[in-house]
Amino acid sequence: MRAYRLLAAKSTLAARVDLIHGDPSGKLGTTLKDEILTKIDKWQESPPVKRPKPLPVPDSDPKKKKRGGRRLRKMKEKYTMADKRKLSKANRMQFGIAEESCL
């Protein structure tokens, strides 16, 4: 569709110039044709490869204090370890080590 629109626009320009006998040598028509062909060739090229951008450096300065407040406390409370989880973490078995039971 882009090529059709481009071709229609340029041919309209060429027809207007031809109507008023603006370019008897025909140089404008060849330049418009070359312009159309270069644009179509450019559209058919594959897009350049996008390089992955590195992550920005975190701005966690020890000098800079974070602001507190109700919102921050709620967030910390949401992500803290629950009591049940603490207990289950303490009672875990390690892989590949024999457990001594005293029954």
PDB file of N, CA and C in Angstrom:
ATOM      1  N   MET A   1       0.829  -1.200   0.000  1.00  0.00           N
ATOM      2  CA  MET A   1       0.000   0.000   0.000  1.00  0.00           C
ATOM      3  C   MET A   1       0.874   1.265   0.000  1.00  0.00           C
ATOM      4  N   ARG A   2       2.008   1.215   0.726  1.00  0.00           N
ATOM      5  CA  ARG A   2       2.878   2.383   0.752  1.00  0.00           C
ATOM      6  C   ARG A   2       3.433   2.670  -0.638  1.00  0.00           C
ATOM      7  N   ALA A   3       3.793   1.597  -1.335  1.00  0.00           N
ATOM      8  CA  ALA A   3       4.347   1.766  -2.684  1.00  0.00           C
ATOM      9  C   ALA A   3       3.285   2.330  -3.630  1.00  0.00           C
ATOM     10  N   TYR A   4       2.058   1.851  -3.514  1.00  0.00           N
ATOM     11  CA  TYR A   4       0.973   2.367  -4.357  1.00  0.00           C
ATOM     12  C   TYR A   4       0.757   3.855  -4.122  1.00  0.00           C
ATOM     13  N   ARG A   5       0.727   4.256  -2.854  1.00  0.00           N
ATOM     14  CA  ARG A   5       0.515   5.667  -2.538  1.00  0.00           C
ATOM     15  C   ARG A   5       1.660   6.530  -3.042  1.00  0.00           C
ATOM     16  N   LEU A   6       2.886   6.033  -2.856  1.00  0.00           N
ATOM     17  CA  LEU A   6       4.048   6.780  -3.329  1.00  0.00           C
ATOM     18  C   LEU A   6       4.018   6.937  -4.848  1.00  0.00           C
ATOM     19  N   LEU A   7       3.725   5.844  -5.537  1.00  0.00           N
ATOM     20  CA  LEU A   7       3.661   5.878  -6.992  1.00  0.00           C
ATOM     21  C   LEU A   7       2.554   6.818  -7.476  1.00  0.00           C
ATOM     22  N   ALA A   8       1.409   6.806  -6.817  1.00  0.00           N
ATOM     23  CA  ALA A   8       0.311   7.689  -7.196  1.00  0.00           C
ATOM     24  C   ALA A   8       0.683   9.150  -6.992  1.00  0.00           C
ATOM     25  N   ALA A   9       1.345   9.452  -5.875  1.00  0.00           N
ATOM     26  CA  ALA A   9       1.719  10.839  -5.593  1.00  0.00           C
ATOM     27  C   ALA A   9       2.737  11.350  -6.601  1.00  0.00           C
ATOM     28  N   LYS A  10       3.751  10.542  -6.887  1.00  0.00           N
ATOM     29  CA  LYS A  10       4.801  10.988  -7.806  1.00  0.00           C
ATOM     30  C   LYS A  10       4.287  11.073  -9.244  1.00  0.00           C
ATOM     31  N   SER A  11       3.423  10.154  -9.630  1.00  0.00           N
ATOM     32  CA  SER A  11       2.886  10.220 -10.992  1.00  0.00           C
ATOM     33  C   SER A  11       1.959  11.425 -11.151  1.00  0.00           C
ATOM     34  N   THR A  12       1.264  11.807 -10.094  1.00  0.00           N
ATOM     35  CA  THR A  12       0.435  13.013 -10.133  1.00  0.00           C
ATOM     36  C   THR A  12       1.306  14.249 -10.324  1.00  0.00           C
ATOM     37  N   LEU A  13       2.435  14.295  -9.602  1.00  0.00           N
ATOM     38  CA  LEU A  13       3.352  15.419  -9.768  1.00  0.00           C
ATOM     39  C   LEU A  13       3.893  15.472 -11.196  1.00  0.00           C
ATOM     40  N   ALA A  14       4.258  14.299 -11.724  1.00  0.00           N
ATOM     41  CA  ALA A  14       4.799  14.254 -13.083  1.00  0.00           C
ATOM     42  C   ALA A  14       3.741  14.674 -14.105  1.00  0.00           C
ATOM     43  N   ALA A  15       2.498  14.272 -13.907  1.00  0.00           N
ATOM     44  CA  ALA A  15       1.423  14.646 -14.827  1.00  0.00           C
ATOM     45  C   ALA A  15       1.174  16.153 -14.798  1.00  0.00           C
ATOM     46  N   ARG A  16       1.244  16.761 -13.615  1.00  0.00           N
ATOM     47  CA  ARG A  16       1.049  18.208 -13.520  1.00  0.00           C
ATOM     48  C   ARG A  16       2.163  18.961 -14.241  1.00  0.00           C
ATOM     49  N   VAL A  17       3.417  18.485 -14.056  1.00  0.00           N
ATOM     50  CA  VAL A  17       4.536  19.135 -14.730  1.00  0.00           C
ATOM     51  C   VAL A  17       4.401  18.962 -16.242  1.00  0.00           C
ATOM     52  N   ASP A  18       3.958  17.775 -16.661  1.00  0.00           N
ATOM     53  CA  ASP A  18       3.796  17.503 -18.087  1.00  0.00           C
ATOM     54  C   ASP A  18       2.681  18.357 -18.689  1.00  0.00           C
ATOM     55  N   LEU A  19       1.640  18.633 -17.911  1.00  0.00           N
ATOM     56  CA  LEU A  19       0.503  19.406 -18.388  1.00  0.00           C
ATOM     57  C   LEU A  19       0.900  20.845 -18.726  1.00  0.00           C
ATOM     58  N   ILE A  20       1.744  21.418 -17.891  1.00  0.00           N
ATOM     59  CA  ILE A  20       2.134  22.820 -18.109  1.00  0.00           C
ATOM     60  C   ILE A  20       3.425  22.928 -18.911  1.00  0.00           C
ATOM     61  N   HIS A  21       3.905  21.800 -19.440  1.00  0.00           N
ATOM     62  CA  HIS A  21       5.143  21.761 -20.227  1.00  0.00           C
ATOM     63  C   HIS A  21       6.306  22.367 -19.439  1.00  0.00           C
ATOM     64  N   GLY A  22       6.384  21.990 -18.155  1.00  0.00           N
ATOM     65  CA  GLY A  22       7.404  22.552 -17.259  1.00  0.00           C
ATOM     66  C   GLY A  22       8.786  21.977 -17.466  1.00  0.00           C
ATOM     67  N   ASP A  23       8.895  20.750 -17.962  1.00  0.00           N
ATOM     68  CA  ASP A  23      10.207  20.126 -18.106  1.00  0.00           C
ATOM     69  C   ASP A  23      10.265  19.393 -19.447  1.00  0.00           C
ATOM     70  N   PRO A  24      10.643  20.084 -20.513  1.00  0.00           N
ATOM     71  CA  PRO A  24      10.654  19.430 -21.824  1.00  0.00           C
ATOM     72  C   PRO A  24      11.747  18.369 -21.967  1.00  0.00           C
ATOM     73  N   SER A  25      12.805  18.445 -21.150  1.00  0.00           N
ATOM     74  CA  SER A  25      13.886  17.460 -21.277  1.00  0.00           C
ATOM     75  C   SER A  25      13.527  16.119 -20.640  1.00  0.00           C
ATOM     76  N   GLY A  26      12.572  16.102 -19.724  1.00  0.00           N
ATOM     77  CA  GLY A  26      12.163  14.853 -19.063  1.00  0.00           C
ATOM     78  C   GLY A  26      13.046  14.474 -17.888  1.00  0.00           C
ATOM     79  N   LYS A  27      13.857  15.399 -17.440  1.00  0.00           N
ATOM     80  CA  LYS A  27      14.774  15.126 -16.328  1.00  0.00           C
ATOM     81  C   LYS A  27      14.018  14.918 -15.012  1.00  0.00           C
ATOM     82  N   LEU A  28      12.932  15.651 -14.829  1.00  0.00           N
ATOM     83  CA  LEU A  28      12.149  15.519 -13.592  1.00  0.00           C
ATOM     84  C   LEU A  28      11.542  14.122 -13.477  1.00  0.00           C
ATOM     85  N   GLY A  29      11.064  13.583 -14.595  1.00  0.00           N
ATOM     86  CA  GLY A  29      10.469  12.238 -14.579  1.00  0.00           C
ATOM     87  C   GLY A  29      11.467  11.168 -14.184  1.00  0.00           C
ATOM     88  N   THR A  30      12.688  11.279 -14.671  1.00  0.00           N
ATOM     89  CA  THR A  30      13.708  10.277 -14.312  1.00  0.00           C
ATOM     90  C   THR A  30      14.120  10.413 -12.851  1.00  0.00           C
ATOM     91  N   THR A  31      14.181  11.656 -12.351  1.00  0.00           N
ATOM     92  CA  THR A  31      14.529  11.812 -10.933  1.00  0.00           C
ATOM     93  C   THR A  31      13.419  11.261 -10.039  1.00  0.00           C
ATOM     94  N   LEU A  32      12.151  11.474 -10.436  1.00  0.00           N
ATOM     95  CA  LEU A  32      11.046  10.921  -9.644  1.00  0.00           C
ATOM     96  C   LEU A  32      11.070   9.390  -9.679  1.00  0.00           C
ATOM     97  N   LYS A  33      11.388   8.825 -10.846  1.00  0.00           N
ATOM     98  CA  LYS A  33      11.465   7.358 -10.962  1.00  0.00           C
ATOM     99  C   LYS A  33      12.580   6.805 -10.085  1.00  0.00           C
ATOM    100  N   ASP A  34      13.738   7.462 -10.104  1.00  0.00           N
ATOM    101  CA  ASP A  34      14.858   7.018  -9.260  1.00  0.00           C
ATOM    102  C   ASP A  34      14.503   7.133  -7.776  1.00  0.00           C
ATOM    103  N   GLU A  35      13.802   8.199  -7.424  1.00  0.00           N
ATOM    104  CA  GLU A  35      13.395   8.391  -6.026  1.00  0.00           C
ATOM    105  C   GLU A  35      12.434   7.283  -5.576  1.00  0.00           C
ATOM    106  N   ILE A  36      11.489   6.943  -6.444  1.00  0.00           N
ATOM    107  CA  ILE A  36      10.530   5.872  -6.132  1.00  0.00           C
ATOM    108  C   ILE A  36      11.257   4.544  -5.928  1.00  0.00           C
ATOM    109  N   LEU A  37      12.174   4.224  -6.833  1.00  0.00           N
ATOM    110  CA  LEU A  37      12.888   2.938  -6.749  1.00  0.00           C
ATOM    111  C   LEU A  37      13.782   2.862  -5.515  1.00  0.00           C
ATOM    112  N   THR A  38      14.455   3.967  -5.172  1.00  0.00           N
ATOM    113  CA  THR A  38      15.312   3.932  -3.982  1.00  0.00           C
ATOM    114  C   THR A  38      14.488   3.786  -2.707  1.00  0.00           C
ATOM    115  N   LYS A  39      13.326   4.451  -2.656  1.00  0.00           N
ATOM    116  CA  LYS A  39      12.488   4.326  -1.459  1.00  0.00           C
ATOM    117  C   LYS A  39      11.957   2.905  -1.307  1.00  0.00           C
ATOM    118  N   ILE A  40      11.532   2.289  -2.410  1.00  0.00           N
ATOM    119  CA  ILE A  40      11.008   0.922  -2.341  1.00  0.00           C
ATOM    120  C   ILE A  40      12.109  -0.053  -1.941  1.00  0.00           C
ATOM    121  N   ASP A  41      13.330   0.146  -2.481  1.00  0.00           N
ATOM    122  CA  ASP A  41      14.451  -0.707  -2.085  1.00  0.00           C
ATOM    123  C   ASP A  41      14.781  -0.550  -0.609  1.00  0.00           C
ATOM    124  N   LYS A  42      14.701   0.664  -0.110  1.00  0.00           N
ATOM    125  CA  LYS A  42      14.981   0.915   1.302  1.00  0.00           C
ATOM    126  C   LYS A  42      13.941   0.242   2.199  1.00  0.00           C
ATOM    127  N   TRP A  43      12.685   0.247   1.762  1.00  0.00           N
ATOM    128  CA  TRP A  43      11.629  -0.392   2.555  1.00  0.00           C
ATOM    129  C   TRP A  43      11.814  -1.896   2.611  1.00  0.00           C
ATOM    130  N   GLN A  44      12.410  -2.483   1.581  1.00  0.00           N
ATOM    131  CA  GLN A  44      12.562  -3.936   1.528  1.00  0.00           C
ATOM    132  C   GLN A  44      13.763  -4.435   2.314  1.00  0.00           C
ATOM    133  N   GLU A  45      14.644  -3.547   2.739  1.00  0.00           N
ATOM    134  CA  GLU A  45      15.790  -3.963   3.549  1.00  0.00           C
ATOM    135  C   GLU A  45      15.311  -4.417   4.922  1.00  0.00           C
ATOM    136  N   SER A  46      16.082  -5.344   5.504  1.00  0.00           N
ATOM    137  CA  SER A  46      15.730  -5.793   6.851  1.00  0.00           C
ATOM    138  C   SER A  46      16.122  -4.706   7.846  1.00  0.00           C
ATOM    139  N   PRO A  47      15.360  -4.582   8.932  1.00  0.00           N
ATOM    140  CA  PRO A  47      15.673  -3.535   9.905  1.00  0.00           C
ATOM    141  C   PRO A  47      16.989  -3.845  10.614  1.00  0.00           C
ATOM    142  N   PRO A  48      17.673  -2.830  11.128  1.00  0.00           N
ATOM    143  CA  PRO A  48      18.947  -3.071  11.819  1.00  0.00           C
ATOM    144  C   PRO A  48      18.723  -3.858  13.107  1.00  0.00           C
ATOM    145  N   VAL A  49      19.724  -4.614  13.497  1.00  0.00           N
ATOM    146  CA  VAL A  49      19.639  -5.447  14.691  1.00  0.00           C
ATOM    147  C   VAL A  49      19.680  -4.550  15.925  1.00  0.00           C
ATOM    148  N   LYS A  50      18.741  -4.783  16.815  1.00  0.00           N
ATOM    149  CA  LYS A  50      18.701  -3.996  18.043  1.00  0.00           C
ATOM    150  C   LYS A  50      19.618  -4.645  19.075  1.00  0.00           C
ATOM    151  N   ARG A  51      20.509  -3.872  19.594  1.00  0.00           N
ATOM    152  CA  ARG A  51      21.434  -4.359  20.621  1.00  0.00           C
ATOM    153  C   ARG A  51      20.750  -4.275  21.990  1.00  0.00           C
ATOM    154  N   PRO A  52      20.957  -5.284  22.839  1.00  0.00           N
ATOM    155  CA  PRO A  52      20.358  -5.189  24.178  1.00  0.00           C
ATOM    156  C   PRO A  52      21.045  -4.102  25.003  1.00  0.00           C
ATOM    157  N   LYS A  53      20.258  -3.286  25.637  1.00  0.00           N
ATOM    158  CA  LYS A  53      20.811  -2.205  26.449  1.00  0.00           C
ATOM    159  C   LYS A  53      21.151  -2.725  27.840  1.00  0.00           C
ATOM    160  N   PRO A  54      22.292  -2.336  28.393  1.00  0.00           N
ATOM    161  CA  PRO A  54      22.615  -2.767  29.755  1.00  0.00           C
ATOM    162  C   PRO A  54      21.711  -2.066  30.761  1.00  0.00           C
ATOM    163  N   LEU A  55      21.507  -2.730  31.874  1.00  0.00           N
ATOM    164  CA  LEU A  55      20.666  -2.140  32.915  1.00  0.00           C
ATOM    165  C   LEU A  55      21.375  -0.941  33.531  1.00  0.00           C
ATOM    166  N   PRO A  56      20.624   0.063  33.938  1.00  0.00           N
ATOM    167  CA  PRO A  56      21.271   1.222  34.559  1.00  0.00           C
ATOM    168  C   PRO A  56      21.823   0.865  35.940  1.00  0.00           C
ATOM    169  N   VAL A  57      22.805   1.626  36.362  1.00  0.00           N
ATOM    170  CA  VAL A  57      23.423   1.408  37.668  1.00  0.00           C
ATOM    171  C   VAL A  57      22.399   1.753  38.740  1.00  0.00           C
ATOM    172  N   PRO A  58      22.195   0.847  39.704  1.00  0.00           N
ATOM    173  CA  PRO A  58      21.224   1.160  40.759  1.00  0.00           C
ATOM    174  C   PRO A  58      21.705   2.349  41.583  1.00  0.00           C
ATOM    175  N   ASP A  59      20.769   3.175  41.974  1.00  0.00           N
ATOM    176  CA  ASP A  59      21.117   4.380  42.727  1.00  0.00           C
ATOM    177  C   ASP A  59      20.855   4.189  44.217  1.00  0.00           C
ATOM    178  N   SER A  60      21.501   3.186  44.775  1.00  0.00           N
ATOM    179  CA  SER A  60      21.314   2.935  46.203  1.00  0.00           C
ATOM    180  C   SER A  60      22.567   3.396  46.942  1.00  0.00           C
ATOM    181  N   ASP A  61      22.650   4.688  47.200  1.00  0.00           N
ATOM    182  CA  ASP A  61      23.781   5.235  47.938  1.00  0.00           C
ATOM    183  C   ASP A  61      23.568   4.991  49.422  1.00  0.00           C
ATOM    184  N   PRO A  62      24.619   4.567  50.146  1.00  0.00           N
ATOM    185  CA  PRO A  62      24.451   4.381  51.592  1.00  0.00           C
ATOM    186  C   PRO A  62      24.227   5.703  52.312  1.00  0.00           C
ATOM    187  N   LYS A  63      24.679   6.812  51.692  1.00  0.00           N
ATOM    188  CA  LYS A  63      24.478   8.111  52.318  1.00  0.00           C
ATOM    189  C   LYS A  63      23.025   8.554  52.215  1.00  0.00           C
ATOM    190  N   LYS A  64      22.395   8.162  51.129  1.00  0.00           N
ATOM    191  CA  LYS A  64      21.032   8.611  50.875  1.00  0.00           C
ATOM    192  C   LYS A  64      20.047   7.778  51.687  1.00  0.00           C
ATOM    193  N   LYS A  65      19.246   8.440  52.461  1.00  0.00           N
ATOM    194  CA  LYS A  65      18.261   7.734  53.272  1.00  0.00           C
ATOM    195  C   LYS A  65      16.966   7.613  52.495  1.00  0.00           C
ATOM    196  N   LYS A  66      16.352   6.456  52.606  1.00  0.00           N
ATOM    197  CA  LYS A  66      15.052   6.253  51.972  1.00  0.00           C
ATOM    198  C   LYS A  66      13.985   6.837  52.884  1.00  0.00           C
ATOM    199  N   ARG A  67      13.007   7.404  52.256  1.00  0.00           N
ATOM    200  CA  ARG A  67      11.915   7.952  53.044  1.00  0.00           C
ATOM    201  C   ARG A  67      11.028   6.825  53.533  1.00  0.00           C
ATOM    202  N   GLY A  68      10.540   6.939  54.716  1.00  0.00           N
ATOM    203  CA  GLY A  68       9.685   5.922  55.288  1.00  0.00           C
ATOM    204  C   GLY A  68       8.234   6.302  55.120  1.00  0.00           C
ATOM    205  N   GLY A  69       7.434   5.827  56.018  1.00  0.00           N
ATOM    206  CA  GLY A  69       6.033   6.166  55.975  1.00  0.00           C
ATOM    207  C   GLY A  69       5.179   4.917  55.932  1.00  0.00           C
ATOM    208  N   ARG A  70       3.893   5.140  55.919  1.00  0.00           N
ATOM    209  CA  ARG A  70       2.941   4.041  55.976  1.00  0.00           C
ATOM    210  C   ARG A  70       3.068   3.143  54.757  1.00  0.00           C
ATOM    211  N   ARG A  71       3.250   3.734  53.596  1.00  0.00           N
ATOM    212  CA  ARG A  71       3.333   2.961  52.369  1.00  0.00           C
ATOM    213  C   ARG A  71       4.541   2.022  52.382  1.00  0.00           C
ATOM    214  N   LEU A  72       5.708   2.519  52.806  1.00  0.00           N
ATOM    215  CA  LEU A  72       6.911   1.699  52.861  1.00  0.00           C
ATOM    216  C   LEU A  72       6.786   0.597  53.911  1.00  0.00           C
ATOM    217  N   ARG A  73       6.206   0.929  55.063  1.00  0.00           N
ATOM    218  CA  ARG A  73       6.009  -0.099  56.101  1.00  0.00           C
ATOM    219  C   ARG A  73       5.097  -1.208  55.605  1.00  0.00           C
ATOM    220  N   LYS A  74       4.031  -0.848  54.895  1.00  0.00           N
ATOM    221  CA  LYS A  74       3.116  -1.858  54.352  1.00  0.00           C
ATOM    222  C   LYS A  74       3.841  -2.759  53.357  1.00  0.00           C
ATOM    223  N   MET A  75       4.695  -2.174  52.524  1.00  0.00           N
ATOM    224  CA  MET A  75       5.421  -2.964  51.541  1.00  0.00           C
ATOM    225  C   MET A  75       6.399  -3.916  52.226  1.00  0.00           C
ATOM    226  N   LYS A  76       7.104  -3.422  53.219  1.00  0.00           N
ATOM    227  CA  LYS A  76       8.040  -4.281  53.950  1.00  0.00           C
ATOM    228  C   LYS A  76       7.290  -5.404  54.665  1.00  0.00           C
ATOM    229  N   GLU A  77       6.140  -5.072  55.230  1.00  0.00           N
ATOM    230  CA  GLU A  77       5.339  -6.068  55.937  1.00  0.00           C
ATOM    231  C   GLU A  77       4.843  -7.141  54.981  1.00  0.00           C
ATOM    232  N   LYS A  78       4.511  -6.757  53.770  1.00  0.00           N
ATOM    233  CA  LYS A  78       4.009  -7.710  52.791  1.00  0.00           C
ATOM    234  C   LYS A  78       5.074  -8.717  52.386  1.00  0.00           C
ATOM    235  N   TYR A  79       6.333  -8.263  52.314  1.00  0.00           N
ATOM    236  CA  TYR A  79       7.401  -9.139  51.837  1.00  0.00           C
ATOM    237  C   TYR A  79       8.269  -9.738  52.944  1.00  0.00           C
ATOM    238  N   THR A  80       7.923  -9.528  54.209  1.00  0.00           N
ATOM    239  CA  THR A  80       8.707 -10.146  55.282  1.00  0.00           C
ATOM    240  C   THR A  80       8.338 -11.617  55.397  1.00  0.00           C
ATOM    241  N   MET A  81       9.217 -12.387  56.035  1.00  0.00           N
ATOM    242  CA  MET A  81       9.002 -13.816  56.165  1.00  0.00           C
ATOM    243  C   MET A  81       8.018 -14.091  57.314  1.00  0.00           C
ATOM    244  N   ALA A  82       7.018 -14.878  57.028  1.00  0.00           N
ATOM    245  CA  ALA A  82       6.006 -15.195  58.034  1.00  0.00           C
ATOM    246  C   ALA A  82       6.584 -16.155  59.073  1.00  0.00           C
ATOM    247  N   ASP A  83       5.901 -16.238  60.232  1.00  0.00           N
ATOM    248  CA  ASP A  83       6.387 -17.089  61.316  1.00  0.00           C
ATOM    249  C   ASP A  83       6.402 -18.559  60.913  1.00  0.00           C
ATOM    250  N   LYS A  84       5.363 -19.015  60.220  1.00  0.00           N
ATOM    251  CA  LYS A  84       5.309 -20.407  59.792  1.00  0.00           C
ATOM    252  C   LYS A  84       6.459 -20.728  58.845  1.00  0.00           C
ATOM    253  N   ARG A  85       6.754 -19.796  57.988  1.00  0.00           N
ATOM    254  CA  ARG A  85       7.829 -20.028  57.032  1.00  0.00           C
ATOM    255  C   ARG A  85       9.185 -20.065  57.724  1.00  0.00           C
ATOM    256  N   LYS A  86       9.368 -19.244  58.736  1.00  0.00           N
ATOM    257  CA  LYS A  86      10.620 -19.264  59.496  1.00  0.00           C
ATOM    258  C   LYS A  86      10.805 -20.623  60.160  1.00  0.00           C
ATOM    259  N   LEU A  87       9.717 -21.148  60.743  1.00  0.00           N
ATOM    260  CA  LEU A  87       9.806 -22.442  61.403  1.00  0.00           C
ATOM    261  C   LEU A  87      10.092 -23.560  60.405  1.00  0.00           C
ATOM    262  N   SER A  88       9.452 -23.525  59.249  1.00  0.00           N
ATOM    263  CA  SER A  88       9.676 -24.573  58.265  1.00  0.00           C
ATOM    264  C   SER A  88      11.087 -24.489  57.692  1.00  0.00           C
ATOM    265  N   LYS A  89      11.646 -23.300  57.614  1.00  0.00           N
ATOM    266  CA  LYS A  89      13.010 -23.149  57.111  1.00  0.00           C
ATOM    267  C   LYS A  89      14.017 -23.714  58.110  1.00  0.00           C
ATOM    268  N   ALA A  90      13.718 -23.587  59.403  1.00  0.00           N
ATOM    269  CA  ALA A  90      14.621 -24.100  60.428  1.00  0.00           C
ATOM    270  C   ALA A  90      14.581 -25.616  60.482  1.00  0.00           C
ATOM    271  N   ASN A  91      13.460 -26.246  60.109  1.00  0.00           N
ATOM    272  CA  ASN A  91      13.308 -27.699  60.214  1.00  0.00           C
ATOM    273  C   ASN A  91      13.614 -28.439  58.919  1.00  0.00           C
ATOM    274  N   ARG A  92      14.231 -27.822  57.963  1.00  0.00           N
ATOM    275  CA  ARG A  92      14.513 -28.478  56.698  1.00  0.00           C
ATOM    276  C   ARG A  92      15.686 -29.435  56.814  1.00  0.00           C
ATOM    277  N   MET A  93      15.629 -30.482  55.978  1.00  0.00           N
ATOM    278  CA  MET A  93      16.738 -31.441  55.917  1.00  0.00           C
ATOM    279  C   MET A  93      17.677 -31.024  54.803  1.00  0.00           C
ATOM    280  N   GLN A  94      18.964 -31.266  54.991  1.00  0.00           N
ATOM    281  CA  GLN A  94      19.921 -30.972  53.948  1.00  0.00           C
ATOM    282  C   GLN A  94      20.063 -32.185  53.051  1.00  0.00           C
ATOM    283  N   PHE A  95      20.274 -31.955  51.769  1.00  0.00           N
ATOM    284  CA  PHE A  95      20.356 -33.026  50.801  1.00  0.00           C
ATOM    285  C   PHE A  95      21.713 -33.718  50.900  1.00  0.00           C
ATOM    286  N   GLY A  96      21.693 -35.037  50.943  1.00  0.00           N
ATOM    287  CA  GLY A  96      22.923 -35.833  50.930  1.00  0.00           C
ATOM    288  C   GLY A  96      23.578 -35.998  52.287  1.00  0.00           C
ATOM    289  N   ILE A  97      22.984 -35.522  53.339  1.00  0.00           N
ATOM    290  CA  ILE A  97      23.570 -35.675  54.684  1.00  0.00           C
ATOM    291  C   ILE A  97      22.599 -36.510  55.514  1.00  0.00           C
ATOM    292  N   ALA A  98      23.172 -37.560  56.148  1.00  0.00           N
ATOM    293  CA  ALA A  98      22.336 -38.432  56.960  1.00  0.00           C
ATOM    294  C   ALA A  98      21.857 -37.676  58.197  1.00  0.00           C
ATOM    295  N   GLU A  99      20.587 -37.873  58.518  1.00  0.00           N
ATOM    296  CA  GLU A  99      20.005 -37.166  59.660  1.00  0.00           C
ATOM    297  C   GLU A  99      20.065 -38.052  60.894  1.00  0.00           C
ATOM    298  N   GLU A 100      20.459 -37.468  61.976  1.00  0.00           N
ATOM    299  CA  GLU A 100      20.495 -38.233  63.230  1.00  0.00           C
ATOM    300  C   GLU A 100      19.177 -38.015  63.941  1.00  0.00           C
ATOM    301  N   SER A 101      18.528 -39.119  64.244  1.00  0.00           N
ATOM    302  CA  SER A 101      17.279 -38.981  64.981  1.00  0.00           C
ATOM    303  C   SER A 101      17.484 -39.597  66.355  1.00  0.00           C
ATOM    304  N   CYS A 102      16.921 -38.971  67.316  1.00  0.00           N
ATOM    305  CA  CYS A 102      17.055 -39.461  68.674  1.00  0.00           C
ATOM    306  C   CYS A 102      15.671 -39.869  69.192  1.00  0.00           C
ATOM    307  N   LEU A 103      15.205 -41.024  68.706  1.00  0.00           N
ATOM    308  CA  LEU A 103      13.931 -41.544  69.144  1.00  0.00           C
ATOM    309  C   LEU A 103      14.132 -42.654  70.134  1.00  0.00           C
TER     310      LEU A 103
END
